């Protein structure tokens, strides 16, 4: 009965998202290297023929999971900006904390987004969503510099900020902080480090 209800529901437009939700769950639980379309179909309660209505193959599903990861992260960046004010240190720090939080929530998807399967980077939609995500950080860095009257290489500054939070995220999800700094407050570390990574007026 449950399977029948699901199939009826999916027939009215939710099949694609149900399959992606199942894929995301399986990737996070078992890793992308162990993901299969058959398992996603079982979890979603649909036939093994169902994915081919929306996806060409397993790789296409992983591309979409990866692209949606970037979209989710970008949406969280914009939430941080709305909450703290555009072009502010607080907003930029909050974006960094959102980045780490996402990595902790979806570590396997995070790894897909940043190189576990290099071929994914060449997918047009993945590349576009990734650029949009990083572009949000560049825009906020540019606004900060403009409002502070600073002349700086904005892209370089944004890369420095990204490098810091990406490294923190990777160390967090790999458990390395637990080994060398148990109980480390990563959010406070980001709050402390962000102003030091942004340019300041000199003289």
N, C-alpha and C. Protein backbone atom coordinates (compact mmCIF):
# COMPACT_ATOMS: atom_id res chain seq x y z
N UNK A 1 0.84 -1.21 0.00
CA UNK A 1 0.00 0.00 0.00
C UNK A 1 0.87 1.26 0.00
N UNK A 2 1.93 1.25 0.84
CA UNK A 2 2.81 2.41 0.89
C UNK A 2 3.48 2.66 -0.45
N UNK A 3 3.97 1.56 -1.07
CA UNK A 3 4.63 1.69 -2.36
C UNK A 3 3.68 2.24 -3.41
N UNK A 4 2.42 1.77 -3.40
CA UNK A 4 1.43 2.25 -4.36
C UNK A 4 1.18 3.74 -4.18
N UNK A 5 1.07 4.17 -2.93
CA UNK A 5 0.84 5.59 -2.67
C UNK A 5 2.01 6.42 -3.17
N UNK A 6 3.23 5.92 -2.95
CA UNK A 6 4.41 6.65 -3.40
C UNK A 6 4.39 6.79 -4.91
N UNK A 7 4.08 5.68 -5.60
CA UNK A 7 4.10 5.71 -7.05
C UNK A 7 3.08 6.71 -7.58
N UNK A 8 1.90 6.74 -6.96
CA UNK A 8 0.86 7.69 -7.39
C UNK A 8 1.34 9.12 -7.16
N UNK A 9 1.99 9.33 -6.03
CA UNK A 9 2.48 10.67 -5.71
C UNK A 9 3.57 11.08 -6.70
N UNK A 10 4.51 10.20 -6.95
CA UNK A 10 5.59 10.51 -7.85
C UNK A 10 5.09 10.78 -9.27
N UNK A 11 4.01 10.09 -9.64
CA UNK A 11 3.44 10.29 -10.98
C UNK A 11 3.03 11.74 -11.19
N UNK A 12 2.75 12.43 -10.09
CA UNK A 12 2.30 13.82 -10.19
C UNK A 12 3.45 14.82 -10.00
N UNK A 13 4.66 14.39 -10.23
CA UNK A 13 5.75 15.37 -10.31
C UNK A 13 6.86 15.27 -9.30
N UNK A 14 6.79 14.36 -8.34
CA UNK A 14 7.81 14.32 -7.30
C UNK A 14 8.84 13.22 -7.50
N UNK A 15 8.74 12.46 -8.58
CA UNK A 15 9.65 11.33 -8.79
C UNK A 15 11.10 11.78 -8.81
N UNK A 16 11.40 12.82 -9.57
CA UNK A 16 12.78 13.27 -9.71
C UNK A 16 13.38 13.65 -8.36
N UNK A 17 12.64 14.45 -7.59
CA UNK A 17 13.16 14.89 -6.29
C UNK A 17 13.24 13.74 -5.30
N UNK A 18 12.31 12.79 -5.39
CA UNK A 18 12.36 11.63 -4.50
C UNK A 18 13.61 10.79 -4.78
N UNK A 19 13.94 10.61 -6.04
CA UNK A 19 15.14 9.86 -6.40
C UNK A 19 16.40 10.59 -5.94
N UNK A 20 16.40 11.92 -6.10
CA UNK A 20 17.58 12.69 -5.66
C UNK A 20 17.72 12.67 -4.14
N UNK A 21 16.60 12.75 -3.43
CA UNK A 21 16.66 12.67 -1.97
C UNK A 21 17.20 11.31 -1.54
N UNK A 22 16.75 10.25 -2.21
CA UNK A 22 17.25 8.91 -1.90
C UNK A 22 18.74 8.80 -2.21
N UNK A 23 19.14 9.35 -3.34
CA UNK A 23 20.55 9.31 -3.72
C UNK A 23 21.41 10.07 -2.71
N UNK A 24 20.94 11.24 -2.30
CA UNK A 24 21.69 12.05 -1.33
C UNK A 24 21.84 11.30 -0.01
N UNK A 25 20.77 10.65 0.43
CA UNK A 25 20.81 9.88 1.67
C UNK A 25 21.82 8.74 1.56
N UNK A 26 21.78 8.01 0.46
CA UNK A 26 22.68 6.87 0.28
C UNK A 26 24.13 7.30 0.16
N UNK A 27 24.37 8.40 -0.55
CA UNK A 27 25.74 8.91 -0.68
C UNK A 27 26.29 9.28 0.69
N UNK A 28 25.48 9.97 1.49
CA UNK A 28 25.95 10.38 2.82
C UNK A 28 26.11 9.20 3.76
N UNK A 29 25.30 8.17 3.60
CA UNK A 29 25.38 7.02 4.50
C UNK A 29 26.49 6.04 4.11
N UNK A 30 26.70 5.87 2.80
CA UNK A 30 27.60 4.80 2.36
C UNK A 30 28.73 5.27 1.45
N UNK A 31 28.73 6.54 1.07
CA UNK A 31 29.76 7.05 0.18
C UNK A 31 29.38 6.92 -1.28
N UNK A 32 29.84 7.86 -2.09
CA UNK A 32 29.49 7.85 -3.52
C UNK A 32 30.02 6.61 -4.22
N UNK A 33 31.14 6.06 -3.73
CA UNK A 33 31.73 4.89 -4.38
C UNK A 33 30.85 3.65 -4.22
N UNK A 34 29.93 3.68 -3.25
CA UNK A 34 29.04 2.54 -3.02
C UNK A 34 27.60 2.82 -3.46
N UNK A 35 27.40 3.95 -4.12
CA UNK A 35 26.06 4.32 -4.53
C UNK A 35 25.63 3.56 -5.78
N UNK A 36 24.38 3.11 -5.79
CA UNK A 36 23.84 2.48 -6.99
C UNK A 36 22.43 3.00 -7.23
N UNK A 37 22.03 3.07 -8.50
CA UNK A 37 20.68 3.48 -8.84
C UNK A 37 19.65 2.50 -8.30
N UNK A 38 19.99 1.23 -8.30
CA UNK A 38 19.05 0.23 -7.79
C UNK A 38 18.72 0.48 -6.33
N UNK A 39 19.73 0.82 -5.54
CA UNK A 39 19.50 1.12 -4.13
C UNK A 39 18.64 2.37 -3.96
N UNK A 40 18.90 3.38 -4.80
CA UNK A 40 18.09 4.60 -4.74
C UNK A 40 16.64 4.31 -5.07
N UNK A 41 16.42 3.45 -6.05
CA UNK A 41 15.05 3.08 -6.42
C UNK A 41 14.35 2.35 -5.28
N UNK A 42 15.08 1.44 -4.63
CA UNK A 42 14.48 0.72 -3.51
C UNK A 42 14.11 1.67 -2.38
N UNK A 43 15.01 2.61 -2.08
CA UNK A 43 14.74 3.56 -0.99
C UNK A 43 13.57 4.47 -1.33
N UNK A 44 13.47 4.87 -2.59
CA UNK A 44 12.38 5.75 -3.02
C UNK A 44 11.08 4.99 -3.26
N UNK A 45 11.17 3.67 -3.34
CA UNK A 45 9.97 2.86 -3.55
C UNK A 45 9.46 2.89 -4.96
N UNK A 46 10.39 2.91 -5.94
CA UNK A 46 9.99 2.95 -7.35
C UNK A 46 10.70 1.85 -8.11
N UNK A 47 10.31 1.63 -9.33
CA UNK A 47 10.91 0.59 -10.16
C UNK A 47 12.29 1.03 -10.62
N UNK A 48 13.11 0.07 -11.02
CA UNK A 48 14.46 0.39 -11.48
C UNK A 48 14.45 1.10 -12.84
N UNK A 49 13.30 1.13 -13.49
CA UNK A 49 13.20 1.87 -14.75
C UNK A 49 12.90 3.35 -14.52
N UNK A 50 12.43 3.69 -13.32
CA UNK A 50 11.97 5.05 -13.04
C UNK A 50 13.02 6.13 -13.26
N UNK A 51 14.29 5.93 -12.84
CA UNK A 51 15.26 7.03 -12.99
C UNK A 51 15.44 7.51 -14.41
N UNK A 52 15.25 6.62 -15.38
CA UNK A 52 15.56 6.97 -16.76
C UNK A 52 14.52 7.90 -17.39
N UNK A 53 13.49 8.23 -16.64
CA UNK A 53 12.57 9.26 -17.09
C UNK A 53 13.19 10.66 -16.92
N UNK A 54 14.16 10.75 -16.02
CA UNK A 54 14.74 12.05 -15.68
C UNK A 54 16.27 12.10 -15.79
N UNK A 55 16.93 10.96 -15.72
CA UNK A 55 18.40 10.93 -15.70
C UNK A 55 18.92 9.93 -16.72
N UNK A 56 20.04 10.27 -17.34
CA UNK A 56 20.58 9.37 -18.37
C UNK A 56 21.26 8.15 -17.76
N UNK A 57 21.85 8.32 -16.54
CA UNK A 57 22.56 7.21 -15.90
C UNK A 57 22.91 7.60 -14.46
N UNK A 58 23.63 6.72 -13.78
CA UNK A 58 24.06 6.96 -12.40
C UNK A 58 24.89 8.23 -12.28
N UNK A 59 25.79 8.45 -13.23
CA UNK A 59 26.65 9.64 -13.18
C UNK A 59 25.82 10.92 -13.23
N UNK A 60 24.76 10.91 -14.02
CA UNK A 60 23.88 12.07 -14.11
C UNK A 60 23.22 12.36 -12.77
N UNK A 61 22.83 11.32 -12.06
CA UNK A 61 22.24 11.49 -10.73
C UNK A 61 23.27 12.13 -9.79
N UNK A 62 24.49 11.63 -9.81
CA UNK A 62 25.53 12.19 -8.94
C UNK A 62 25.86 13.63 -9.31
N UNK A 63 25.80 13.95 -10.59
CA UNK A 63 26.00 15.34 -11.02
C UNK A 63 24.94 16.24 -10.39
N UNK A 64 23.70 15.79 -10.41
CA UNK A 64 22.62 16.61 -9.88
C UNK A 64 22.71 16.73 -8.36
N UNK A 65 23.08 15.66 -7.69
CA UNK A 65 23.28 15.71 -6.23
C UNK A 65 24.37 16.73 -5.91
N UNK A 66 25.44 16.71 -6.69
CA UNK A 66 26.55 17.65 -6.48
C UNK A 66 26.12 19.08 -6.74
N UNK A 67 25.43 19.31 -7.85
CA UNK A 67 24.96 20.66 -8.18
C UNK A 67 24.01 21.18 -7.11
N UNK A 68 23.11 20.32 -6.64
CA UNK A 68 22.19 20.74 -5.59
C UNK A 68 22.92 21.04 -4.29
N UNK A 69 24.04 20.35 -4.05
CA UNK A 69 24.85 20.68 -2.88
C UNK A 69 25.35 22.10 -2.95
N UNK A 70 25.85 22.51 -4.11
CA UNK A 70 26.29 23.90 -4.27
C UNK A 70 25.13 24.88 -4.13
N UNK A 71 23.98 24.51 -4.67
CA UNK A 71 22.81 25.39 -4.56
C UNK A 71 22.39 25.56 -3.10
N UNK A 72 22.42 24.48 -2.35
CA UNK A 72 22.06 24.55 -0.93
C UNK A 72 23.04 25.44 -0.18
N UNK A 73 24.32 25.26 -0.46
CA UNK A 73 25.34 26.07 0.20
C UNK A 73 25.19 27.54 -0.16
N UNK A 74 24.92 27.84 -1.42
CA UNK A 74 24.71 29.22 -1.85
C UNK A 74 23.50 29.83 -1.15
N UNK A 75 22.43 29.06 -1.02
CA UNK A 75 21.23 29.55 -0.33
C UNK A 75 21.55 29.87 1.13
N UNK A 76 22.38 29.05 1.74
CA UNK A 76 22.76 29.32 3.14
C UNK A 76 23.64 30.56 3.24
N UNK A 77 24.47 30.78 2.24
CA UNK A 77 25.25 32.01 2.22
C UNK A 77 24.32 33.23 2.20
N UNK A 78 23.31 33.17 1.37
CA UNK A 78 22.39 34.30 1.26
C UNK A 78 21.59 34.49 2.54
N UNK A 79 21.27 33.42 3.22
CA UNK A 79 20.62 33.54 4.53
C UNK A 79 21.52 34.27 5.51
N UNK A 80 22.81 33.93 5.49
CA UNK A 80 23.77 34.58 6.39
C UNK A 80 23.89 36.06 6.07
N UNK A 81 23.87 36.38 4.77
CA UNK A 81 23.98 37.78 4.35
C UNK A 81 22.76 38.57 4.80
N UNK A 82 21.58 37.99 4.62
CA UNK A 82 20.35 38.68 5.05
C UNK A 82 20.35 38.89 6.57
N UNK A 83 20.87 37.94 7.28
CA UNK A 83 20.85 38.01 8.74
C UNK A 83 21.85 39.03 9.29
N UNK A 84 22.99 39.16 8.63
CA UNK A 84 24.07 39.97 9.21
C UNK A 84 24.39 41.24 8.43
N UNK A 85 23.82 41.38 7.24
CA UNK A 85 24.07 42.59 6.46
C UNK A 85 25.10 42.38 5.38
N UNK A 86 24.78 42.84 4.20
CA UNK A 86 25.64 42.61 3.04
C UNK A 86 26.97 43.33 3.19
N UNK A 87 28.05 42.64 2.85
CA UNK A 87 29.37 43.25 2.86
C UNK A 87 29.96 43.48 4.23
N UNK A 88 29.46 42.79 5.24
CA UNK A 88 29.97 42.97 6.61
C UNK A 88 30.88 41.81 7.00
N UNK A 89 31.75 42.07 7.97
CA UNK A 89 32.60 41.00 8.50
C UNK A 89 31.73 39.90 9.09
N UNK A 90 30.67 40.29 9.78
CA UNK A 90 29.79 39.30 10.41
C UNK A 90 29.17 38.37 9.37
N UNK A 91 28.76 38.93 8.24
CA UNK A 91 28.16 38.11 7.18
C UNK A 91 29.18 37.17 6.57
N UNK A 92 30.38 37.66 6.33
CA UNK A 92 31.42 36.83 5.73
C UNK A 92 31.81 35.70 6.69
N UNK A 93 31.90 36.02 7.98
CA UNK A 93 32.20 34.97 8.97
C UNK A 93 31.06 33.96 9.03
N UNK A 94 29.82 34.45 8.97
CA UNK A 94 28.67 33.55 9.01
C UNK A 94 28.64 32.63 7.79
N UNK A 95 29.07 33.13 6.65
CA UNK A 95 29.17 32.28 5.46
C UNK A 95 30.18 31.17 5.70
N UNK A 96 31.29 31.51 6.33
CA UNK A 96 32.29 30.49 6.65
C UNK A 96 31.75 29.44 7.59
N UNK A 97 30.98 29.87 8.57
CA UNK A 97 30.39 28.90 9.52
C UNK A 97 29.34 28.04 8.84
N UNK A 98 28.60 28.63 7.89
CA UNK A 98 27.61 27.85 7.13
C UNK A 98 28.32 26.79 6.28
N UNK A 99 29.48 27.14 5.77
CA UNK A 99 30.26 26.21 4.95
C UNK A 99 30.67 24.99 5.77
N UNK A 100 31.20 25.23 6.96
CA UNK A 100 31.63 24.13 7.82
C UNK A 100 30.43 23.30 8.27
N UNK A 101 29.33 23.96 8.59
CA UNK A 101 28.13 23.25 9.02
C UNK A 101 27.61 22.32 7.93
N UNK A 102 27.62 22.81 6.68
CA UNK A 102 27.18 21.98 5.56
C UNK A 102 28.08 20.75 5.43
N UNK A 103 29.39 20.95 5.52
CA UNK A 103 30.32 19.83 5.39
C UNK A 103 30.06 18.78 6.47
N UNK A 104 29.76 19.23 7.67
CA UNK A 104 29.51 18.29 8.76
C UNK A 104 28.18 17.55 8.57
N UNK A 105 27.19 18.24 8.02
CA UNK A 105 25.88 17.62 7.81
C UNK A 105 25.89 16.61 6.66
N UNK A 106 26.63 16.95 5.60
CA UNK A 106 26.63 16.12 4.40
C UNK A 106 28.08 15.88 3.93
N UNK A 107 28.87 15.17 4.74
CA UNK A 107 30.29 15.03 4.42
C UNK A 107 30.57 14.36 3.08
N UNK A 108 29.80 13.33 2.73
CA UNK A 108 30.06 12.63 1.47
C UNK A 108 29.68 13.50 0.27
N UNK A 109 28.59 14.24 0.37
CA UNK A 109 28.22 15.17 -0.69
C UNK A 109 29.27 16.28 -0.80
N UNK A 110 29.72 16.77 0.34
CA UNK A 110 30.78 17.79 0.35
C UNK A 110 32.02 17.30 -0.39
N UNK A 111 32.40 16.06 -0.16
CA UNK A 111 33.57 15.51 -0.85
C UNK A 111 33.32 15.40 -2.35
N UNK A 112 32.10 15.06 -2.72
CA UNK A 112 31.76 15.02 -4.15
C UNK A 112 31.91 16.40 -4.77
N UNK A 113 31.46 17.42 -4.05
CA UNK A 113 31.49 18.78 -4.56
C UNK A 113 32.92 19.27 -4.80
N UNK A 114 33.86 18.72 -4.03
CA UNK A 114 35.22 19.23 -4.09
C UNK A 114 36.24 18.15 -4.42
N UNK A 115 35.90 17.33 -5.43
CA UNK A 115 36.96 16.57 -6.06
C UNK A 115 37.03 15.08 -5.86
N UNK A 116 36.10 14.48 -5.09
CA UNK A 116 36.20 13.04 -4.94
C UNK A 116 36.09 12.34 -6.28
N UNK A 117 35.26 12.88 -7.17
CA UNK A 117 35.15 12.37 -8.53
C UNK A 117 35.42 13.52 -9.50
N UNK A 118 36.66 13.68 -9.94
CA UNK A 118 37.04 14.82 -10.78
C UNK A 118 36.16 15.03 -12.00
N UNK A 119 35.62 13.96 -12.58
CA UNK A 119 34.78 14.10 -13.78
C UNK A 119 33.55 14.93 -13.52
N UNK A 120 33.09 14.97 -12.27
CA UNK A 120 31.90 15.75 -11.94
C UNK A 120 32.13 17.24 -12.18
N UNK A 121 33.36 17.69 -11.98
CA UNK A 121 33.66 19.11 -12.13
C UNK A 121 33.43 19.59 -13.57
N UNK A 122 33.53 18.66 -14.51
CA UNK A 122 33.38 19.04 -15.92
C UNK A 122 31.93 19.12 -16.35
N UNK A 123 31.02 18.65 -15.51
CA UNK A 123 29.60 18.72 -15.85
C UNK A 123 29.17 20.18 -15.84
N UNK A 124 28.48 20.61 -16.88
CA UNK A 124 28.15 22.03 -17.03
C UNK A 124 27.38 22.58 -15.84
N UNK A 125 26.36 21.85 -15.38
CA UNK A 125 25.55 22.37 -14.27
C UNK A 125 26.34 22.41 -12.97
N UNK A 126 27.17 21.42 -12.73
CA UNK A 126 28.01 21.43 -11.52
C UNK A 126 28.96 22.62 -11.55
N UNK A 127 29.59 22.83 -12.69
CA UNK A 127 30.53 23.95 -12.82
C UNK A 127 29.83 25.28 -12.60
N UNK A 128 28.65 25.45 -13.19
CA UNK A 128 27.91 26.71 -13.05
C UNK A 128 27.50 26.95 -11.59
N UNK A 129 27.00 25.92 -10.93
CA UNK A 129 26.56 26.09 -9.54
C UNK A 129 27.74 26.33 -8.62
N UNK A 130 28.87 25.68 -8.91
CA UNK A 130 30.07 25.92 -8.11
C UNK A 130 30.57 27.34 -8.25
N UNK A 131 30.57 27.85 -9.49
CA UNK A 131 31.01 29.23 -9.71
C UNK A 131 30.06 30.23 -9.04
N UNK A 132 28.77 29.95 -9.08
CA UNK A 132 27.80 30.83 -8.42
C UNK A 132 28.05 30.87 -6.91
N UNK A 133 28.37 29.71 -6.37
CA UNK A 133 28.61 29.63 -4.92
C UNK A 133 29.84 30.46 -4.53
N UNK A 134 30.95 30.22 -5.21
CA UNK A 134 32.15 31.00 -4.91
C UNK A 134 31.95 32.47 -5.26
N UNK A 135 31.19 32.73 -6.31
CA UNK A 135 30.91 34.11 -6.69
C UNK A 135 30.22 34.90 -5.61
N UNK A 136 29.41 34.23 -4.80
CA UNK A 136 28.75 34.92 -3.68
C UNK A 136 29.78 35.43 -2.69
N UNK A 137 30.79 34.63 -2.41
CA UNK A 137 31.86 35.07 -1.51
C UNK A 137 32.64 36.22 -2.13
N UNK A 138 32.92 36.13 -3.42
CA UNK A 138 33.66 37.21 -4.09
C UNK A 138 32.86 38.51 -4.02
N UNK A 139 31.56 38.43 -4.26
CA UNK A 139 30.70 39.63 -4.21
C UNK A 139 30.72 40.26 -2.82
N UNK A 140 30.62 39.44 -1.79
CA UNK A 140 30.61 39.98 -0.43
C UNK A 140 31.96 40.57 -0.06
N UNK A 141 33.02 39.95 -0.51
CA UNK A 141 34.36 40.48 -0.26
C UNK A 141 34.54 41.83 -0.97
N UNK A 142 34.03 41.91 -2.19
CA UNK A 142 34.13 43.16 -2.95
C UNK A 142 33.34 44.27 -2.27
N UNK A 143 32.14 43.95 -1.80
CA UNK A 143 31.33 44.94 -1.10
C UNK A 143 32.00 45.42 0.18
N UNK A 144 32.60 44.49 0.91
CA UNK A 144 33.31 44.86 2.13
C UNK A 144 34.44 45.84 1.80
N UNK A 145 35.23 45.51 0.79
CA UNK A 145 36.37 46.37 0.42
C UNK A 145 35.89 47.74 -0.05
N UNK A 146 34.82 47.75 -0.82
CA UNK A 146 34.28 49.01 -1.32
C UNK A 146 33.82 49.90 -0.18
N UNK A 147 33.11 49.33 0.76
CA UNK A 147 32.57 50.12 1.87
C UNK A 147 33.65 50.58 2.84
N UNK A 148 34.76 49.85 2.86
CA UNK A 148 35.87 50.24 3.72
C UNK A 148 36.86 51.15 3.00
N UNK A 149 36.59 51.40 1.71
CA UNK A 149 37.49 52.23 0.92
C UNK A 149 38.84 51.57 0.70
N UNK A 150 38.83 50.27 0.52
CA UNK A 150 40.07 49.51 0.39
C UNK A 150 40.33 49.12 -1.05
N UNK A 151 41.58 49.19 -1.46
CA UNK A 151 41.99 48.69 -2.76
C UNK A 151 42.65 47.34 -2.54
N UNK A 152 42.05 46.29 -3.10
CA UNK A 152 42.58 44.95 -2.87
C UNK A 152 42.25 44.05 -4.05
N UNK A 153 43.02 42.99 -4.18
CA UNK A 153 42.71 41.96 -5.15
C UNK A 153 41.60 41.09 -4.55
N UNK A 154 40.37 41.42 -4.93
CA UNK A 154 39.21 40.79 -4.28
C UNK A 154 39.19 39.28 -4.46
N UNK A 155 39.50 38.83 -5.65
CA UNK A 155 39.49 37.38 -5.90
C UNK A 155 40.51 36.67 -5.02
N UNK A 156 41.67 37.28 -4.87
CA UNK A 156 42.72 36.67 -4.03
C UNK A 156 42.28 36.62 -2.58
N UNK A 157 41.66 37.68 -2.10
CA UNK A 157 41.17 37.69 -0.72
C UNK A 157 40.10 36.61 -0.52
N UNK A 158 39.18 36.50 -1.49
CA UNK A 158 38.13 35.49 -1.40
C UNK A 158 38.72 34.08 -1.39
N UNK A 159 39.75 33.86 -2.18
CA UNK A 159 40.41 32.55 -2.19
C UNK A 159 41.03 32.24 -0.83
N UNK A 160 41.63 33.25 -0.20
CA UNK A 160 42.21 33.05 1.12
C UNK A 160 41.13 32.67 2.14
N UNK A 161 40.00 33.37 2.09
CA UNK A 161 38.90 33.05 2.99
C UNK A 161 38.39 31.64 2.75
N UNK A 162 38.22 31.30 1.47
CA UNK A 162 37.72 29.97 1.11
C UNK A 162 38.70 28.89 1.55
N UNK A 163 39.99 29.12 1.31
CA UNK A 163 41.01 28.14 1.69
C UNK A 163 40.95 27.85 3.18
N UNK A 164 40.77 28.89 3.96
CA UNK A 164 40.70 28.71 5.42
C UNK A 164 39.51 27.86 5.83
N UNK A 165 38.31 28.21 5.35
CA UNK A 165 37.12 27.47 5.81
C UNK A 165 37.05 26.08 5.17
N UNK A 166 37.59 25.95 3.95
CA UNK A 166 37.61 24.62 3.34
C UNK A 166 38.55 23.70 4.11
N UNK A 167 39.69 24.22 4.49
CA UNK A 167 40.61 23.42 5.29
C UNK A 167 40.00 23.05 6.63
N UNK A 168 39.33 24.02 7.25
CA UNK A 168 38.67 23.74 8.54
C UNK A 168 37.59 22.67 8.37
N UNK A 169 36.83 22.76 7.28
CA UNK A 169 35.78 21.78 7.03
C UNK A 169 36.35 20.38 6.84
N UNK A 170 37.39 20.28 6.05
CA UNK A 170 38.01 18.98 5.77
C UNK A 170 38.58 18.37 7.05
N UNK A 171 39.25 19.18 7.84
CA UNK A 171 39.81 18.69 9.09
C UNK A 171 38.70 18.25 10.05
N UNK A 172 37.60 18.99 10.05
CA UNK A 172 36.48 18.65 10.94
C UNK A 172 35.85 17.32 10.55
N UNK A 173 35.55 17.12 9.27
CA UNK A 173 34.84 15.91 8.88
C UNK A 173 35.76 14.68 8.87
N UNK A 174 37.06 14.92 8.79
CA UNK A 174 38.00 13.79 8.86
C UNK A 174 38.37 13.43 10.29
N UNK A 175 37.89 14.23 11.26
CA UNK A 175 38.15 13.93 12.66
C UNK A 175 39.52 14.37 13.15
N UNK A 176 40.23 15.16 12.35
CA UNK A 176 41.58 15.55 12.74
C UNK A 176 41.61 16.52 13.91
N UNK A 177 40.64 17.41 13.97
CA UNK A 177 40.59 18.32 15.12
C UNK A 177 40.41 17.55 16.42
N UNK A 178 39.63 16.48 16.38
CA UNK A 178 39.40 15.69 17.59
C UNK A 178 40.69 15.10 18.12
N UNK A 179 41.63 14.84 17.21
CA UNK A 179 42.90 14.25 17.62
C UNK A 179 43.84 15.28 18.26
N UNK A 180 43.88 16.48 17.66
CA UNK A 180 44.89 17.46 18.11
C UNK A 180 44.32 18.58 18.98
N UNK A 181 43.01 18.84 18.87
CA UNK A 181 42.40 19.93 19.64
C UNK A 181 40.98 19.56 20.04
N UNK A 182 40.83 18.57 20.89
CA UNK A 182 39.48 18.14 21.30
C UNK A 182 38.68 19.31 21.88
N UNK A 183 37.43 19.42 21.45
CA UNK A 183 36.58 20.48 21.96
C UNK A 183 36.79 21.83 21.30
N UNK A 184 37.57 21.86 20.22
CA UNK A 184 37.82 23.13 19.52
C UNK A 184 36.50 23.77 19.08
N UNK A 185 36.34 25.05 19.36
CA UNK A 185 35.16 25.80 18.92
C UNK A 185 35.46 26.37 17.53
N UNK A 186 35.05 25.66 16.50
CA UNK A 186 35.37 26.07 15.14
C UNK A 186 34.68 27.37 14.77
N UNK A 187 33.47 27.56 15.24
CA UNK A 187 32.76 28.80 14.91
C UNK A 187 33.48 30.01 15.49
N UNK A 188 33.96 29.89 16.72
CA UNK A 188 34.70 31.01 17.32
C UNK A 188 36.01 31.24 16.56
N UNK A 189 36.64 30.16 16.14
CA UNK A 189 37.88 30.28 15.37
C UNK A 189 37.62 31.05 14.07
N UNK A 190 36.50 30.77 13.42
CA UNK A 190 36.16 31.48 12.18
C UNK A 190 35.89 32.95 12.48
N UNK A 191 35.16 33.22 13.56
CA UNK A 191 34.91 34.62 13.95
C UNK A 191 36.22 35.36 14.20
N UNK A 192 37.17 34.69 14.85
CA UNK A 192 38.45 35.34 15.17
C UNK A 192 39.32 35.53 13.93
N UNK A 193 39.28 34.54 13.02
CA UNK A 193 40.20 34.56 11.88
C UNK A 193 39.72 35.45 10.74
N UNK A 194 38.41 35.57 10.56
CA UNK A 194 37.89 36.29 9.39
C UNK A 194 38.40 37.73 9.29
N UNK A 195 38.37 38.52 10.36
CA UNK A 195 38.88 39.90 10.23
C UNK A 195 40.36 39.94 9.84
N UNK A 196 41.12 38.93 10.27
CA UNK A 196 42.54 38.90 9.95
C UNK A 196 42.83 38.49 8.52
N UNK A 197 41.84 37.86 7.87
CA UNK A 197 42.01 37.45 6.49
C UNK A 197 41.52 38.52 5.51
N UNK A 198 40.79 39.49 6.03
CA UNK A 198 40.31 40.60 5.20
C UNK A 198 41.32 41.75 5.23
N UNK A 199 41.42 42.50 4.13
CA UNK A 199 42.38 43.62 4.10
C UNK A 199 41.95 44.75 5.04
N UNK A 200 42.93 45.52 5.47
CA UNK A 200 42.64 46.67 6.34
C UNK A 200 43.37 47.90 5.78
N UNK A 201 42.89 49.06 6.16
CA UNK A 201 43.57 50.30 5.77
C UNK A 201 44.90 50.40 6.49
N UNK A 202 45.89 50.84 5.76
CA UNK A 202 47.22 50.97 6.36
C UNK A 202 47.65 52.45 6.35
N UNK A 203 48.44 52.77 7.35
CA UNK A 203 48.95 54.13 7.41
C UNK A 203 48.01 55.10 8.07
